[in-house]
Amino acid sequence: MHKKNTHHKRSIDWARYIISFVITAAIFGTVLYISQVATAKRINEIKSIQDKIAIDLLSSETQFSLLASGAACNEDGNSVLAPEIEKLGERLSYMEDQLGTDNSDVIGLKKYYSLLQIKDYLLTKELSQKCGFKTVSIIYFYSNNDCPECTRQGYVLTALHEAYPTLRIYAFDANLDLSAIKTLQTVTKAPESVPSMIINGKVYTGFKTLEEIESKLPKTFIDVAKKAAEEAKKEKEEEN
């Protein structure tokens, strides 16, 4: 009788083990499936962004060639490439977050983006000289490698651009293996240390607060930019 109970108990234990195994396997399989679906979705999203960036880059390159061959003066002196460059920057930031800053695709796209920024900077200068516009720009050099001040400076510049949308801000990874960036650093006399900025032609090193950067900008630009921002805000409120 004792042996029979023992055998029955062992059968129950084995049944429990099998049920536990099946449940665990089912949970693991479900998690793995969801993970694979999420990964596939992310890859498709990244590929879609890559394709869009490739098209935008080609479009911007074509626009630059057309404008450089016969640049025309417009009302505010801003390059028509500016909105596209801003969109490209947002997509590139998303890809960096998703794939990491060391990803080969991200690095390749960052190089194209950096070259496009340099071209926009040169085009804006050309328009300024030809049409007599007084443009205001910031060239920012940073690093993704162990530079907490660069991260903080990036947040400040983002806030600054939101406050002054017409301010041209060009951001370059100083560690990016791109000769054009090295040449830009030499031409602008930028230091090797990061973060560093060239604000309207003058060199500044180390982290700078929003207020400190504002103090380096021409007062006339700030007044005009604030007025434009207020008008844009008013128009948006009226539309809503």
C-alpha atoms as a PDB file:
ATOM      1  CA  MET A   1       0.000   0.000   0.000  1.00  0.00           C
ATOM      2  CA  HIS A   2       2.854   2.352   0.864  1.00  0.00           C
ATOM      3  CA  LYS A   3       4.607   1.577  -2.441  1.00  0.00           C
ATOM      4  CA  LYS A   4       1.424   2.292  -4.343  1.00  0.00           C
ATOM      5  CA  ASN A   5       1.027   5.712  -2.692  1.00  0.00           C
ATOM      6  CA  THR A   6       4.679   6.463  -3.357  1.00  0.00           C
ATOM      7  CA  HIS A   7       4.283   5.555  -7.029  1.00  0.00           C
ATOM      8  CA  HIS A   8       1.119   7.673  -7.255  1.00  0.00           C
ATOM      9  CA  LYS A   9       2.922  10.620  -5.657  1.00  0.00           C
ATOM     10  CA  ARG A  10       5.802  10.318  -8.098  1.00  0.00           C
ATOM     11  CA  SER A  11       3.343  10.278 -10.999  1.00  0.00           C
ATOM     12  CA  ILE A  12       1.754  13.490  -9.710  1.00  0.00           C
ATOM     13  CA  ASP A  13       5.200  15.103  -9.317  1.00  0.00           C
ATOM     14  CA  TRP A  14       6.147  14.179 -12.886  1.00  0.00           C
ATOM     15  CA  ALA A  15       2.851  15.547 -14.141  1.00  0.00           C
ATOM     16  CA  ARG A  16       3.548  18.813 -12.337  1.00  0.00           C
ATOM     17  CA  TYR A  17       7.031  18.971 -13.835  1.00  0.00           C
ATOM     18  CA  ILE A  18       5.679  18.384 -17.321  1.00  0.00           C
ATOM     19  CA  ILE A  19       2.946  20.994 -16.885  1.00  0.00           C
ATOM     20  CA  SER A  20       5.478  23.489 -15.489  1.00  0.00           C
ATOM     21  CA  PHE A  21       7.806  22.782 -18.393  1.00  0.00           C
ATOM     22  CA  VAL A  22       5.024  23.260 -20.947  1.00  0.00           C
ATOM     23  CA  ILE A  23       3.919  26.512 -19.325  1.00  0.00           C
ATOM     24  CA  THR A  24       7.511  27.802 -19.125  1.00  0.00           C
ATOM     25  CA  ALA A  25       8.168  26.811 -22.743  1.00  0.00           C
ATOM     26  CA  ALA A  26       4.964  28.523 -23.840  1.00  0.00           C
ATOM     27  CA  ILE A  27       5.878  31.736 -21.974  1.00  0.00           C
ATOM     28  CA  PHE A  28       9.413  31.652 -23.371  1.00  0.00           C
ATOM     29  CA  GLY A  29       8.098  31.021 -26.883  1.00  0.00           C
ATOM     30  CA  THR A  30       5.607  33.858 -26.596  1.00  0.00           C
ATOM     31  CA  VAL A  31       8.260  36.288 -25.310  1.00  0.00           C
ATOM     32  CA  LEU A  32      10.665  35.199 -28.074  1.00  0.00           C
ATOM     33  CA  TYR A  33       7.971  35.665 -30.721  1.00  0.00           C
ATOM     34  CA  ILE A  34       7.049  39.114 -29.435  1.00  0.00           C
ATOM     35  CA  SER A  35      10.739  40.037 -29.308  1.00  0.00           C
ATOM     36  CA  GLN A  36      11.271  38.870 -32.894  1.00  0.00           C
ATOM     37  CA  VAL A  37       8.208  40.787 -34.101  1.00  0.00           C
ATOM     38  CA  ALA A  38       9.378  43.929 -32.269  1.00  0.00           C
ATOM     39  CA  THR A  39      12.899  43.548 -33.701  1.00  0.00           C
ATOM     40  CA  ALA A  40      11.561  43.051 -37.221  1.00  0.00           C
ATOM     41  CA  LYS A  41       9.343  46.105 -36.813  1.00  0.00           C
ATOM     42  CA  ARG A  42      12.269  48.196 -35.571  1.00  0.00           C
ATOM     43  CA  ILE A  43      14.459  47.030 -38.479  1.00  0.00           C
ATOM     44  CA  ASN A  44      11.723  47.968 -40.950  1.00  0.00           C
ATOM     45  CA  GLU A  45      11.357  51.378 -39.303  1.00  0.00           C
ATOM     46  CA  ILE A  46      15.121  51.941 -39.416  1.00  0.00           C
ATOM     47  CA  LYS A  47      15.273  50.879 -43.075  1.00  0.00           C
ATOM     48  CA  SER A  48      12.415  53.216 -43.897  1.00  0.00           C
ATOM     49  CA  ILE A  49      14.245  56.086 -42.200  1.00  0.00           C
ATOM     50  CA  GLN A  50      17.480  55.195 -44.020  1.00  0.00           C
ATOM     51  CA  ASP A  51      15.668  55.251 -47.360  1.00  0.00           C
ATOM     52  CA  LYS A  52      14.047  58.596 -46.516  1.00  0.00           C
ATOM     53  CA  ILE A  53      17.385  60.090 -45.478  1.00  0.00           C
ATOM     54  CA  ALA A  54      19.010  58.875 -48.700  1.00  0.00           C
ATOM     55  CA  ILE A  55      16.273  60.593 -50.753  1.00  0.00           C
ATOM     56  CA  ASP A  56      16.488  63.793 -48.665  1.00  0.00           C
ATOM     57  CA  LEU A  57      20.260  63.884 -49.035  1.00  0.00           C
ATOM     58  CA  LEU A  58      20.035  63.520 -52.805  1.00  0.00           C
ATOM     59  CA  SER A  59      17.364  66.223 -52.929  1.00  0.00           C
ATOM     60  CA  SER A  60      19.440  68.561 -50.766  1.00  0.00           C
ATOM     61  CA  GLU A  61      22.580  67.928 -52.830  1.00  0.00           C
ATOM     62  CA  THR A  62      20.665  68.843 -55.973  1.00  0.00           C
ATOM     63  CA  GLN A  63      19.234  71.984 -54.383  1.00  0.00           C
ATOM     64  CA  PHE A  64      22.678  73.041 -53.209  1.00  0.00           C
ATOM     65  CA  SER A  65      24.118  72.676 -56.736  1.00  0.00           C
ATOM     66  CA  LEU A  66      21.258  74.719 -58.215  1.00  0.00           C
ATOM     67  CA  LEU A  67      21.534  77.463 -55.587  1.00  0.00           C
ATOM     68  CA  ALA A  68      25.323  77.630 -55.770  1.00  0.00           C
ATOM     69  CA  SER A  69      25.164  78.094 -59.546  1.00  0.00           C
ATOM     70  CA  GLY A  70      22.749  80.993 -59.261  1.00  0.00           C
ATOM     71  CA  ALA A  71      21.939  81.854 -55.645  1.00  0.00           C
ATOM     72  CA  ALA A  72      19.035  84.271 -55.379  1.00  0.00           C
ATOM     73  CA  CYS A  73      18.342  86.663 -52.523  1.00  0.00           C
ATOM     74  CA  ASN A  74      15.262  85.958 -50.430  1.00  0.00           C
ATOM     75  CA  GLU A  75      13.543  87.853 -47.658  1.00  0.00           C
ATOM     76  CA  ASP A  76      15.391  86.530 -44.627  1.00  0.00           C
ATOM     77  CA  GLY A  77      18.626  85.189 -46.066  1.00  0.00           C
ATOM     78  CA  ASN A  78      18.113  81.676 -44.717  1.00  0.00           C
ATOM     79  CA  SER A  79      19.149  78.752 -46.877  1.00  0.00           C
ATOM     80  CA  VAL A  80      16.252  76.686 -48.188  1.00  0.00           C
ATOM     81  CA  LEU A  81      18.209  73.619 -47.080  1.00  0.00           C
ATOM     82  CA  ALA A  82      17.702  74.509 -43.414  1.00  0.00           C
ATOM     83  CA  PRO A  83      14.319  72.774 -42.882  1.00  0.00           C
ATOM     84  CA  GLU A  84      15.532  69.580 -44.554  1.00  0.00           C
ATOM     85  CA  ILE A  85      18.751  69.551 -42.533  1.00  0.00           C
ATOM     86  CA  GLU A  86      16.729  69.885 -39.326  1.00  0.00           C
ATOM     87  CA  LYS A  87      14.568  66.900 -40.297  1.00  0.00           C
ATOM     88  CA  LEU A  88      17.648  64.862 -41.153  1.00  0.00           C
ATOM     89  CA  GLY A  89      19.141  65.701 -37.757  1.00  0.00           C
ATOM     90  CA  GLU A  90      16.016  64.432 -35.995  1.00  0.00           C
ATOM     91  CA  ARG A  91      16.060  61.171 -37.960  1.00  0.00           C
ATOM     92  CA  LEU A  92      19.767  60.707 -37.311  1.00  0.00           C
ATOM     93  CA  SER A  93      19.245  61.228 -33.564  1.00  0.00           C
ATOM     94  CA  TYR A  94      16.529  58.568 -33.618  1.00  0.00           C
ATOM     95  CA  MET A  95      18.842  56.128 -35.372  1.00  0.00           C
ATOM     96  CA  GLU A  96      21.609  56.825 -32.858  1.00  0.00           C
ATOM     97  CA  ASP A  97      19.195  56.032 -30.026  1.00  0.00           C
ATOM     98  CA  GLN A  98      18.007  52.834 -31.722  1.00  0.00           C
ATOM     99  CA  LEU A  99      21.265  51.454 -33.137  1.00  0.00           C
ATOM    100  CA  GLY A 100      23.953  53.199 -31.081  1.00  0.00           C
ATOM    101  CA  THR A 101      26.536  55.809 -32.029  1.00  0.00           C
ATOM    102  CA  ASP A 102      29.081  53.137 -33.051  1.00  0.00           C
ATOM    103  CA  ASN A 103      26.800  51.514 -35.629  1.00  0.00           C
ATOM    104  CA  SER A 104      28.387  51.596 -39.098  1.00  0.00           C
ATOM    105  CA  ASP A 105      25.156  52.748 -40.787  1.00  0.00           C
ATOM    106  CA  VAL A 106      24.760  55.554 -38.259  1.00  0.00           C
ATOM    107  CA  ILE A 107      28.373  56.657 -38.730  1.00  0.00           C
ATOM    108  CA  GLY A 108      27.986  56.666 -42.500  1.00  0.00           C
ATOM    109  CA  LEU A 109      24.808  58.736 -42.351  1.00  0.00           C
ATOM    110  CA  LYS A 110      26.384  61.109 -39.829  1.00  0.00           C
ATOM    111  CA  LYS A 111      29.203  61.779 -42.305  1.00  0.00           C
ATOM    112  CA  TYR A 112      26.734  62.650 -45.061  1.00  0.00           C
ATOM    113  CA  TYR A 113      24.774  64.806 -42.634  1.00  0.00           C
ATOM    114  CA  SER A 114      27.938  66.625 -41.515  1.00  0.00           C
ATOM    115  CA  LEU A 115      28.926  67.352 -45.116  1.00  0.00           C
ATOM    116  CA  LEU A 116      25.440  68.669 -45.806  1.00  0.00           C
ATOM    117  CA  GLN A 117      25.701  70.992 -42.802  1.00  0.00           C
ATOM    118  CA  ILE A 118      29.043  72.336 -44.029  1.00  0.00           C
ATOM    119  CA  LYS A 119      27.553  72.937 -47.481  1.00  0.00           C
ATOM    120  CA  ASP A 120      24.598  74.757 -45.942  1.00  0.00           C
ATOM    121  CA  TYR A 121      26.985  76.873 -43.860  1.00  0.00           C
ATOM    122  CA  LEU A 122      28.974  77.836 -46.973  1.00  0.00           C
ATOM    123  CA  LEU A 123      25.815  78.529 -48.958  1.00  0.00           C
ATOM    124  CA  THR A 124      24.436  80.722 -46.170  1.00  0.00           C
ATOM    125  CA  LYS A 125      27.710  82.690 -46.107  1.00  0.00           C
ATOM    126  CA  GLU A 126      27.533  83.091 -49.876  1.00  0.00           C
ATOM    127  CA  LEU A 127      23.972  84.365 -49.693  1.00  0.00           C
ATOM    128  CA  SER A 128      24.967  86.705 -46.872  1.00  0.00           C
ATOM    129  CA  GLN A 129      27.851  88.210 -48.838  1.00  0.00           C
ATOM    130  CA  LYS A 130      25.891  88.470 -52.078  1.00  0.00           C
ATOM    131  CA  CYS A 131      22.683  89.879 -50.628  1.00  0.00           C
ATOM    132  CA  GLY A 132      24.031  91.799 -47.637  1.00  0.00           C
ATOM    133  CA  PHE A 133      22.192  89.690 -45.031  1.00  0.00           C
ATOM    134  CA  LYS A 134      23.519  89.637 -41.486  1.00  0.00           C
ATOM    135  CA  THR A 135      23.233  85.967 -40.587  1.00  0.00           C
ATOM    136  CA  VAL A 136      23.940  84.604 -37.104  1.00  0.00           C
ATOM    137  CA  SER A 137      25.302  81.091 -36.677  1.00  0.00           C
ATOM    138  CA  ILE A 138      26.803  78.728 -34.108  1.00  0.00           C
ATOM    139  CA  ILE A 139      29.253  75.996 -35.060  1.00  0.00           C
ATOM    140  CA  TYR A 140      29.312  73.410 -32.275  1.00  0.00           C
ATOM    141  CA  PHE A 141      31.925  70.675 -31.850  1.00  0.00           C
ATOM    142  CA  TYR A 142      31.137  67.802 -29.488  1.00  0.00           C
ATOM    143  CA  SER A 143      31.996  64.188 -28.724  1.00  0.00           C
ATOM    144  CA  ASN A 144      29.865  61.135 -27.952  1.00  0.00           C
ATOM    145  CA  ASN A 145      32.733  59.577 -26.005  1.00  0.00           C
ATOM    146  CA  ASP A 146      32.804  60.303 -22.280  1.00  0.00           C
ATOM    147  CA  CYS A 147      31.759  63.941 -22.479  1.00  0.00           C
ATOM    148  CA  PRO A 148      28.903  64.721 -20.056  1.00  0.00           C
ATOM    149  CA  GLU A 149      29.367  68.441 -20.704  1.00  0.00           C
ATOM    150  CA  CYS A 150      28.711  67.801 -24.407  1.00  0.00           C
ATOM    151  CA  THR A 151      25.404  66.152 -23.519  1.00  0.00           C
ATOM    152  CA  ARG A 152      24.415  69.121 -21.362  1.00  0.00           C
ATOM    153  CA  GLN A 153      25.519  71.549 -24.057  1.00  0.00           C
ATOM    154  CA  GLY A 154      23.402  69.705 -26.595  1.00  0.00           C
ATOM    155  CA  TYR A 155      20.293  70.195 -24.444  1.00  0.00           C
ATOM    156  CA  VAL A 156      21.074  73.898 -24.091  1.00  0.00           C
ATOM    157  CA  LEU A 157      21.499  74.363 -27.848  1.00  0.00           C
ATOM    158  CA  THR A 158      18.238  72.507 -28.478  1.00  0.00           C
ATOM    159  CA  ALA A 159      16.446  74.878 -26.102  1.00  0.00           C
ATOM    160  CA  LEU A 160      18.196  77.830 -27.743  1.00  0.00           C
ATOM    161  CA  HIS A 161      17.040  76.765 -31.199  1.00  0.00           C
ATOM    162  CA  GLU A 162      13.479  76.410 -29.913  1.00  0.00           C
ATOM    163  CA  ALA A 163      13.670  79.957 -28.553  1.00  0.00           C
ATOM    164  CA  TYR A 164      15.295  81.322 -31.744  1.00  0.00           C
ATOM    165  CA  PRO A 165      14.239  79.160 -34.724  1.00  0.00           C
ATOM    166  CA  THR A 166      16.111  81.376 -37.219  1.00  0.00           C
ATOM    167  CA  LEU A 167      19.433  80.815 -35.438  1.00  0.00           C
ATOM    168  CA  ARG A 168      21.634  78.556 -37.548  1.00  0.00           C
ATOM    169  CA  ILE A 169      23.232  75.856 -35.350  1.00  0.00           C
ATOM    170  CA  TYR A 170      25.670  73.395 -36.940  1.00  0.00           C
ATOM    171  CA  ALA A 171      26.727  70.456 -34.746  1.00  0.00           C
ATOM    172  CA  PHE A 172      29.744  68.272 -35.557  1.00  0.00           C
ATOM    173  CA  ASP A 173      31.153  65.174 -33.876  1.00  0.00           C
ATOM    174  CA  ALA A 174      34.833  66.074 -33.411  1.00  0.00           C
ATOM    175  CA  ASN A 175      35.768  62.373 -33.279  1.00  0.00           C
ATOM    176  CA  LEU A 176      34.123  61.553 -36.596  1.00  0.00           C
ATOM    177  CA  ASP A 177      36.709  60.379 -39.123  1.00  0.00           C
ATOM    178  CA  LEU A 178      35.929  63.028 -41.708  1.00  0.00           C
ATOM    179  CA  SER A 179      38.592  65.329 -43.157  1.00  0.00           C
ATOM    180  CA  ALA A 180      36.061  68.080 -43.903  1.00  0.00           C
ATOM    181  CA  ILE A 181      35.329  68.450 -40.170  1.00  0.00           C
ATOM    182  CA  LYS A 182      39.052  68.655 -39.383  1.00  0.00           C
ATOM    183  CA  THR A 183      39.424  71.334 -42.048  1.00  0.00           C
ATOM    184  CA  LEU A 184      36.449  73.236 -40.617  1.00  0.00           C
ATOM    185  CA  GLN A 185      38.068  73.128 -37.179  1.00  0.00           C
ATOM    186  CA  THR A 186      41.285  74.512 -38.654  1.00  0.00           C
ATOM    187  CA  VAL A 187      39.537  77.247 -40.643  1.00  0.00           C
ATOM    188  CA  THR A 188      37.435  78.368 -37.662  1.00  0.00           C
ATOM    189  CA  LYS A 189      40.421  77.986 -35.283  1.00  0.00           C
ATOM    190  CA  ALA A 190      38.381  75.697 -33.049  1.00  0.00           C
ATOM    191  CA  PRO A 191      40.305  74.050 -30.172  1.00  0.00           C
ATOM    192  CA  GLU A 192      40.721  70.280 -29.904  1.00  0.00           C
ATOM    193  CA  SER A 193      38.900  70.231 -26.557  1.00  0.00           C
ATOM    194  CA  VAL A 194      35.134  69.715 -26.493  1.00  0.00           C
ATOM    195  CA  PRO A 195      32.584  71.108 -26.118  1.00  0.00           C
ATOM    196  CA  SER A 196      33.574  74.176 -28.100  1.00  0.00           C
ATOM    197  CA  MET A 197      31.595  76.689 -30.144  1.00  0.00           C
ATOM    198  CA  ILE A 198      32.157  79.305 -32.795  1.00  0.00           C
ATOM    199  CA  ILE A 199      29.496  81.916 -32.117  1.00  0.00           C
ATOM    200  CA  ASN A 200      29.295  84.460 -34.900  1.00  0.00           C
ATOM    201  CA  GLY A 201      32.964  83.964 -35.720  1.00  0.00           C
ATOM    202  CA  LYS A 202      34.315  83.995 -32.134  1.00  0.00           C
ATOM    203  CA  VAL A 203      35.723  80.916 -30.372  1.00  0.00           C
ATOM    204  CA  TYR A 204      34.367  79.738 -26.999  1.00  0.00           C
ATOM    205  CA  THR A 205      35.427  76.641 -25.071  1.00  0.00           C
ATOM    206  CA  GLY A 206      33.746  74.616 -22.333  1.00  0.00           C
ATOM    207  CA  PHE A 207      30.102  74.374 -21.330  1.00  0.00           C
ATOM    208  CA  LYS A 208      28.025  77.526 -21.738  1.00  0.00           C
ATOM    209  CA  THR A 209      24.574  78.155 -20.281  1.00  0.00           C
ATOM    210  CA  LEU A 210      21.704  79.401 -22.416  1.00  0.00           C
ATOM    211  CA  GLU A 211      22.043  82.849 -20.860  1.00  0.00           C
ATOM    212  CA  GLU A 212      25.789  82.942 -21.579  1.00  0.00           C
ATOM    213  CA  ILE A 213      25.232  82.047 -25.234  1.00  0.00           C
ATOM    214  CA  GLU A 214      22.434  84.607 -25.546  1.00  0.00           C
ATOM    215  CA  SER A 215      24.830  87.286 -24.282  1.00  0.00           C
ATOM    216  CA  LYS A 216      27.156  86.481 -27.199  1.00  0.00           C
ATOM    217  CA  LEU A 217      24.427  86.967 -29.816  1.00  0.00           C
ATOM    218  CA  PRO A 218      23.777  90.384 -31.419  1.00  0.00           C
ATOM    219  CA  LYS A 219      21.007  92.260 -29.619  1.00  0.00           C
ATOM    220  CA  THR A 220      19.354  93.170 -32.901  1.00  0.00           C
ATOM    221  CA  PHE A 221      19.122  89.476 -33.810  1.00  0.00           C
ATOM    222  CA  ILE A 222      17.572  88.585 -30.440  1.00  0.00           C
ATOM    223  CA  ASP A 223      14.992  91.370 -30.744  1.00  0.00           C
ATOM    224  CA  VAL A 224      14.015  90.367 -34.288  1.00  0.00           C
ATOM    225  CA  ALA A 225      13.992  86.640 -33.427  1.00  0.00           C
ATOM    226  CA  LYS A 226      11.801  87.178 -30.352  1.00  0.00           C
ATOM    227  CA  LYS A 227       9.360  89.278 -32.360  1.00  0.00           C
ATOM    228  CA  ALA A 228       9.195  86.613 -35.075  1.00  0.00           C
ATOM    229  CA  ALA A 229       8.652  83.879 -32.460  1.00  0.00           C
ATOM    230  CA  GLU A 230       5.835  85.857 -30.828  1.00  0.00           C
ATOM    231  CA  GLU A 231       4.142  86.419 -34.189  1.00  0.00           C
ATOM    232  CA  ALA A 232       4.451  82.736 -35.075  1.00  0.00           C
ATOM    233  CA  LYS A 233       2.993  81.767 -31.692  1.00  0.00           C
ATOM    234  CA  LYS A 234       0.121  84.202 -32.158  1.00  0.00           C
ATOM    235  CA  GLU A 235      -0.653  82.830 -35.631  1.00  0.00           C
ATOM    236  CA  LYS A 236      -0.625  79.276 -34.279  1.00  0.00           C
ATOM    237  CA  GLU A 237      -3.009  80.209 -31.458  1.00  0.00           C
ATOM    238  CA  GLU A 238      -5.360  81.893 -33.941  1.00  0.00           C
ATOM    239  CA  GLU A 239      -5.358  78.782 -36.134  1.00  0.00           C
ATOM    240  CA  ASN A 240      -6.302  76.633 -33.144  1.00  0.00           C
END
